[in-house]
Amino acid sequence: MNKILAMLFTIGFISGLQADGFEIKGIIGNIDNSAKIISVNNINVQVMPQTHIKLDDCGIFGMDIDGKFSDLAVGSFVEVEAWPNSAVNSGTGASYIASEIEQKCVSNRAY
């Protein structure tokens, strides 16, 4: 019985990962504008035309607004919802493909 419960838990955990992808949090270290790849914590992430980019607390009264690739900036904190890139061997250079990027706009920085 314990083996069956463990197996069901494992299947549920793995399917949950597949449904939600991976979340990468960190600082944008590099942006390759021509290839549309950003580097977050030394992880290369491919930004696709379908990737939803959200600028968190950037609008009037701290509202979230939709962004574009050109709004992403080196040194900004981001949360990236990503999927493993099965085409890494094809030469794209990105380990993950972003489905959503949320860039934090901070008006009162620590320094």
N, C-alpha and C. Protein backbone atom coordinates (compact mmCIF):
# COMPACT_ATOMS: atom_id res chain seq x y z
N MET A 1 0.82 -1.20 0.00
CA MET A 1 0.00 0.00 0.00
C MET A 1 0.86 1.26 0.00
N ASN A 2 1.95 1.24 0.79
CA ASN A 2 2.84 2.41 0.85
C ASN A 2 3.52 2.65 -0.49
N LYS A 3 3.85 1.58 -1.21
CA LYS A 3 4.48 1.73 -2.52
C LYS A 3 3.52 2.37 -3.51
N ILE A 4 2.26 1.99 -3.43
CA ILE A 4 1.25 2.57 -4.33
C ILE A 4 1.07 4.05 -4.03
N LEU A 5 1.00 4.41 -2.75
CA LEU A 5 0.87 5.83 -2.38
C LEU A 5 2.09 6.63 -2.82
N ALA A 6 3.27 6.06 -2.64
CA ALA A 6 4.50 6.74 -3.06
C ALA A 6 4.52 6.94 -4.57
N MET A 7 4.08 5.92 -5.32
CA MET A 7 4.04 6.02 -6.76
C MET A 7 3.03 7.07 -7.21
N LEU A 8 1.87 7.11 -6.60
CA LEU A 8 0.86 8.11 -6.95
C LEU A 8 1.35 9.52 -6.62
N PHE A 9 2.03 9.67 -5.48
CA PHE A 9 2.58 10.97 -5.12
C PHE A 9 3.62 11.42 -6.14
N THR A 10 4.49 10.50 -6.56
CA THR A 10 5.53 10.82 -7.53
C THR A 10 4.90 11.21 -8.86
N ILE A 11 3.92 10.47 -9.31
CA ILE A 11 3.24 10.79 -10.57
C ILE A 11 2.57 12.16 -10.47
N GLY A 12 1.91 12.42 -9.36
CA GLY A 12 1.27 13.72 -9.17
C GLY A 12 2.27 14.85 -9.14
N PHE A 13 3.41 14.63 -8.49
CA PHE A 13 4.45 15.66 -8.40
C PHE A 13 5.02 15.96 -9.78
N ILE A 14 5.33 14.91 -10.54
CA ILE A 14 5.90 15.10 -11.87
C ILE A 14 4.90 15.76 -12.80
N SER A 15 3.64 15.36 -12.75
CA SER A 15 2.64 15.99 -13.62
C SER A 15 2.41 17.44 -13.20
N GLY A 16 2.54 17.74 -11.92
CA GLY A 16 2.44 19.12 -11.47
C GLY A 16 3.56 19.98 -12.01
N LEU A 17 4.76 19.41 -12.09
CA LEU A 17 5.88 20.15 -12.67
C LEU A 17 5.64 20.41 -14.15
N GLN A 18 5.10 19.43 -14.83
CA GLN A 18 4.86 19.60 -16.25
C GLN A 18 3.76 20.62 -16.51
N ALA A 19 2.80 20.72 -15.62
CA ALA A 19 1.70 21.66 -15.83
C ALA A 19 2.13 23.10 -15.58
N ASP A 20 3.03 23.29 -14.63
CA ASP A 20 3.40 24.64 -14.25
C ASP A 20 4.76 25.08 -14.77
N GLY A 21 5.58 24.18 -15.25
CA GLY A 21 6.92 24.53 -15.69
C GLY A 21 7.81 24.81 -14.50
N PHE A 22 8.87 25.54 -14.74
CA PHE A 22 9.83 25.88 -13.70
C PHE A 22 9.79 27.38 -13.46
N GLU A 23 10.08 27.80 -12.24
CA GLU A 23 10.18 29.22 -11.97
C GLU A 23 11.63 29.55 -11.66
N ILE A 24 12.14 30.50 -12.40
CA ILE A 24 13.51 30.96 -12.21
C ILE A 24 13.43 32.39 -11.70
N LYS A 25 14.00 32.64 -10.53
CA LYS A 25 14.01 33.98 -9.96
C LYS A 25 15.45 34.47 -9.88
N GLY A 26 15.66 35.71 -10.27
CA GLY A 26 17.01 36.24 -10.18
C GLY A 26 17.17 37.55 -10.93
N ILE A 27 18.42 37.90 -11.14
CA ILE A 27 18.79 39.15 -11.79
C ILE A 27 19.17 38.87 -13.24
N ILE A 28 18.70 39.72 -14.14
CA ILE A 28 19.11 39.60 -15.54
C ILE A 28 20.57 40.03 -15.63
N GLY A 29 21.41 39.10 -16.07
CA GLY A 29 22.84 39.38 -16.18
C GLY A 29 23.26 39.78 -17.58
N ASN A 30 22.52 39.30 -18.58
CA ASN A 30 22.88 39.59 -19.97
C ASN A 30 21.64 39.48 -20.83
N ILE A 31 21.59 40.29 -21.87
CA ILE A 31 20.49 40.24 -22.83
C ILE A 31 21.09 40.18 -24.23
N ASP A 32 20.71 39.14 -24.98
CA ASP A 32 21.11 39.01 -26.39
C ASP A 32 19.91 39.42 -27.22
N ASN A 33 19.93 40.66 -27.69
CA ASN A 33 18.78 41.22 -28.39
C ASN A 33 18.52 40.52 -29.72
N SER A 34 19.56 40.13 -30.43
CA SER A 34 19.36 39.51 -31.74
C SER A 34 18.77 38.10 -31.62
N ALA A 35 19.20 37.34 -30.61
CA ALA A 35 18.68 35.97 -30.43
C ALA A 35 17.47 35.93 -29.50
N LYS A 36 17.14 37.06 -28.85
CA LYS A 36 16.03 37.15 -27.88
C LYS A 36 16.23 36.15 -26.74
N ILE A 37 17.44 36.17 -26.17
CA ILE A 37 17.79 35.32 -25.04
C ILE A 37 18.23 36.21 -23.88
N ILE A 38 17.69 35.93 -22.68
CA ILE A 38 18.16 36.61 -21.48
C ILE A 38 18.87 35.59 -20.59
N SER A 39 19.80 36.07 -19.82
CA SER A 39 20.52 35.22 -18.88
C SER A 39 20.11 35.62 -17.47
N VAL A 40 19.53 34.68 -16.73
CA VAL A 40 19.09 34.92 -15.34
C VAL A 40 19.84 33.92 -14.47
N ASN A 41 20.67 34.42 -13.57
CA ASN A 41 21.49 33.55 -12.72
C ASN A 41 22.30 32.56 -13.56
N ASN A 42 22.86 33.06 -14.65
CA ASN A 42 23.67 32.25 -15.58
C ASN A 42 22.88 31.13 -16.25
N ILE A 43 21.56 31.25 -16.31
CA ILE A 43 20.70 30.32 -17.04
C ILE A 43 20.16 31.06 -18.25
N ASN A 44 20.41 30.53 -19.44
CA ASN A 44 19.93 31.17 -20.66
C ASN A 44 18.49 30.79 -20.91
N VAL A 45 17.65 31.82 -21.13
CA VAL A 45 16.22 31.63 -21.33
C VAL A 45 15.82 32.29 -22.65
N GLN A 46 15.21 31.50 -23.53
CA GLN A 46 14.73 31.99 -24.81
C GLN A 46 13.40 32.70 -24.61
N VAL A 47 13.30 33.94 -25.11
CA VAL A 47 12.05 34.69 -25.08
C VAL A 47 11.40 34.56 -26.45
N MET A 48 10.18 34.06 -26.47
CA MET A 48 9.45 33.83 -27.71
C MET A 48 8.47 34.98 -27.96
N PRO A 49 7.95 35.09 -29.19
CA PRO A 49 6.94 36.11 -29.45
C PRO A 49 5.69 35.95 -28.59
N GLN A 50 5.41 34.70 -28.16
CA GLN A 50 4.23 34.42 -27.34
C GLN A 50 4.48 34.63 -25.85
N THR A 51 5.71 34.89 -25.45
CA THR A 51 6.04 35.07 -24.04
C THR A 51 5.32 36.31 -23.51
N HIS A 52 4.61 36.14 -22.39
CA HIS A 52 3.92 37.27 -21.76
C HIS A 52 4.91 37.96 -20.83
N ILE A 53 5.16 39.25 -21.08
CA ILE A 53 6.06 40.03 -20.24
C ILE A 53 5.22 41.01 -19.44
N LYS A 54 5.37 40.94 -18.12
CA LYS A 54 4.60 41.80 -17.22
C LYS A 54 5.58 42.65 -16.42
N LEU A 55 5.30 43.94 -16.35
CA LEU A 55 6.10 44.87 -15.55
C LEU A 55 5.34 45.11 -14.26
N ASP A 56 5.86 44.56 -13.17
CA ASP A 56 5.19 44.56 -11.87
C ASP A 56 5.38 45.89 -11.16
N ASP A 57 4.28 46.55 -10.81
CA ASP A 57 4.28 47.83 -10.09
C ASP A 57 4.92 48.96 -10.90
N CYS A 58 4.80 48.94 -12.21
CA CYS A 58 5.44 49.96 -13.05
C CYS A 58 4.47 51.03 -13.54
N GLY A 59 3.19 50.78 -13.42
CA GLY A 59 2.20 51.72 -13.95
C GLY A 59 1.78 52.77 -12.94
N ILE A 60 0.78 53.53 -13.30
CA ILE A 60 0.23 54.57 -12.43
C ILE A 60 -0.33 53.91 -11.18
N PHE A 61 -0.05 54.48 -10.03
CA PHE A 61 -0.50 53.97 -8.73
C PHE A 61 -0.01 52.55 -8.46
N GLY A 62 1.14 52.18 -9.04
CA GLY A 62 1.71 50.87 -8.79
C GLY A 62 1.02 49.73 -9.50
N MET A 63 0.31 50.03 -10.57
CA MET A 63 -0.38 48.97 -11.32
C MET A 63 0.61 48.19 -12.18
N ASP A 64 0.27 46.94 -12.45
CA ASP A 64 1.06 46.13 -13.37
C ASP A 64 0.70 46.51 -14.80
N ILE A 65 1.70 46.50 -15.67
CA ILE A 65 1.44 46.79 -17.08
C ILE A 65 2.13 45.73 -17.94
N ASP A 66 1.61 45.55 -19.15
CA ASP A 66 2.23 44.63 -20.09
C ASP A 66 3.49 45.26 -20.65
N GLY A 67 4.49 44.43 -20.88
CA GLY A 67 5.76 44.92 -21.39
C GLY A 67 6.16 44.23 -22.67
N LYS A 68 7.30 44.65 -23.20
CA LYS A 68 7.88 44.08 -24.41
C LYS A 68 9.31 43.66 -24.09
N PHE A 69 9.92 42.93 -25.00
CA PHE A 69 11.29 42.49 -24.81
C PHE A 69 12.22 43.68 -24.56
N SER A 70 11.97 44.77 -25.25
CA SER A 70 12.82 45.96 -25.11
C SER A 70 12.72 46.59 -23.71
N ASP A 71 11.70 46.25 -22.92
CA ASP A 71 11.56 46.77 -21.56
C ASP A 71 12.45 46.03 -20.56
N LEU A 72 12.90 44.83 -20.91
CA LEU A 72 13.76 44.06 -20.01
C LEU A 72 15.11 44.74 -19.92
N ALA A 73 15.68 44.78 -18.71
CA ALA A 73 16.94 45.50 -18.50
C ALA A 73 17.91 44.68 -17.66
N VAL A 74 19.18 44.75 -18.03
CA VAL A 74 20.22 44.10 -17.25
C VAL A 74 20.22 44.69 -15.85
N GLY A 75 20.29 43.84 -14.84
CA GLY A 75 20.29 44.28 -13.45
C GLY A 75 18.92 44.27 -12.81
N SER A 76 17.87 44.00 -13.59
CA SER A 76 16.51 43.96 -13.06
C SER A 76 16.21 42.59 -12.47
N PHE A 77 15.42 42.58 -11.39
CA PHE A 77 14.98 41.33 -10.78
C PHE A 77 13.77 40.82 -11.55
N VAL A 78 13.81 39.54 -11.92
CA VAL A 78 12.71 38.95 -12.68
C VAL A 78 12.32 37.60 -12.09
N GLU A 79 11.07 37.23 -12.35
CA GLU A 79 10.57 35.88 -12.10
C GLU A 79 10.15 35.34 -13.45
N VAL A 80 10.74 34.22 -13.84
CA VAL A 80 10.50 33.65 -15.16
C VAL A 80 9.81 32.30 -15.01
N GLU A 81 8.68 32.14 -15.65
CA GLU A 81 8.01 30.85 -15.77
C GLU A 81 8.54 30.24 -17.06
N ALA A 82 9.22 29.09 -16.95
CA ALA A 82 9.91 28.55 -18.12
C ALA A 82 9.72 27.05 -18.24
N TRP A 83 10.00 26.56 -19.44
CA TRP A 83 9.93 25.15 -19.77
C TRP A 83 11.29 24.72 -20.30
N PRO A 84 11.69 23.48 -20.06
CA PRO A 84 12.95 23.00 -20.64
C PRO A 84 12.89 23.08 -22.17
N ASN A 85 13.99 23.50 -22.76
CA ASN A 85 14.06 23.64 -24.21
C ASN A 85 14.58 22.34 -24.80
N SER A 86 13.71 21.62 -25.48
CA SER A 86 14.11 20.34 -26.07
C SER A 86 14.95 20.55 -27.32
N ALA A 87 15.02 21.78 -27.81
CA ALA A 87 15.78 22.07 -29.03
C ALA A 87 17.15 22.67 -28.72
N VAL A 88 17.66 22.45 -27.50
CA VAL A 88 18.96 23.02 -27.12
C VAL A 88 20.05 22.55 -28.08
N ASN A 89 19.97 21.30 -28.50
CA ASN A 89 20.99 20.76 -29.40
C ASN A 89 20.93 21.36 -30.80
N SER A 90 19.87 22.09 -31.10
CA SER A 90 19.75 22.68 -32.44
C SER A 90 20.52 23.99 -32.55
N GLY A 91 21.15 24.42 -31.47
CA GLY A 91 22.00 25.59 -31.56
C GLY A 91 21.41 26.88 -31.03
N THR A 92 20.25 26.84 -30.38
CA THR A 92 19.68 28.09 -29.87
C THR A 92 20.48 28.62 -28.69
N GLY A 93 21.10 27.74 -27.90
CA GLY A 93 21.91 28.17 -26.77
C GLY A 93 21.12 28.43 -25.50
N ALA A 94 19.82 28.28 -25.54
CA ALA A 94 18.99 28.54 -24.37
C ALA A 94 18.52 27.22 -23.77
N SER A 95 18.68 27.07 -22.46
CA SER A 95 18.27 25.85 -21.78
C SER A 95 16.77 25.81 -21.53
N TYR A 96 16.13 26.98 -21.49
CA TYR A 96 14.71 27.07 -21.18
C TYR A 96 14.03 28.03 -22.14
N ILE A 97 12.71 27.85 -22.27
CA ILE A 97 11.87 28.76 -23.05
C ILE A 97 10.90 29.42 -22.09
N ALA A 98 10.82 30.73 -22.11
CA ALA A 98 9.97 31.47 -21.19
C ALA A 98 8.53 31.54 -21.69
N SER A 99 7.60 31.21 -20.79
CA SER A 99 6.19 31.42 -21.11
C SER A 99 5.71 32.74 -20.50
N GLU A 100 6.34 33.14 -19.39
CA GLU A 100 5.98 34.40 -18.75
C GLU A 100 7.19 34.97 -18.03
N ILE A 101 7.37 36.28 -18.13
CA ILE A 101 8.43 36.99 -17.42
C ILE A 101 7.79 38.14 -16.67
N GLU A 102 8.08 38.21 -15.38
CA GLU A 102 7.59 39.31 -14.55
C GLU A 102 8.80 40.08 -14.05
N GLN A 103 8.94 41.32 -14.52
CA GLN A 103 10.05 42.17 -14.10
C GLN A 103 9.56 43.12 -13.02
N LYS A 104 10.30 43.19 -11.94
CA LYS A 104 9.92 44.04 -10.80
C LYS A 104 10.42 45.46 -11.03
N CYS A 105 9.53 46.41 -10.86
CA CYS A 105 9.91 47.83 -10.90
C CYS A 105 9.98 48.31 -9.45
N VAL A 106 11.15 48.72 -9.04
CA VAL A 106 11.34 49.14 -7.66
C VAL A 106 11.72 50.61 -7.66
N SER A 107 10.89 51.43 -7.03
CA SER A 107 11.17 52.87 -7.01
C SER A 107 12.05 53.27 -5.83
N ASN A 108 11.96 52.56 -4.73
CA ASN A 108 12.79 52.90 -3.57
C ASN A 108 13.78 51.77 -3.30
N ARG A 109 14.90 51.82 -4.00
CA ARG A 109 15.93 50.78 -3.87
C ARG A 109 16.70 50.95 -2.57
N ALA A 110 17.30 49.86 -2.15
CA ALA A 110 18.08 49.88 -0.91
C ALA A 110 19.34 50.74 -1.06
N TYR A 111 19.90 50.80 -2.26
CA TYR A 111 21.07 51.66 -2.51
C TYR A 111 21.18 51.95 -3.98
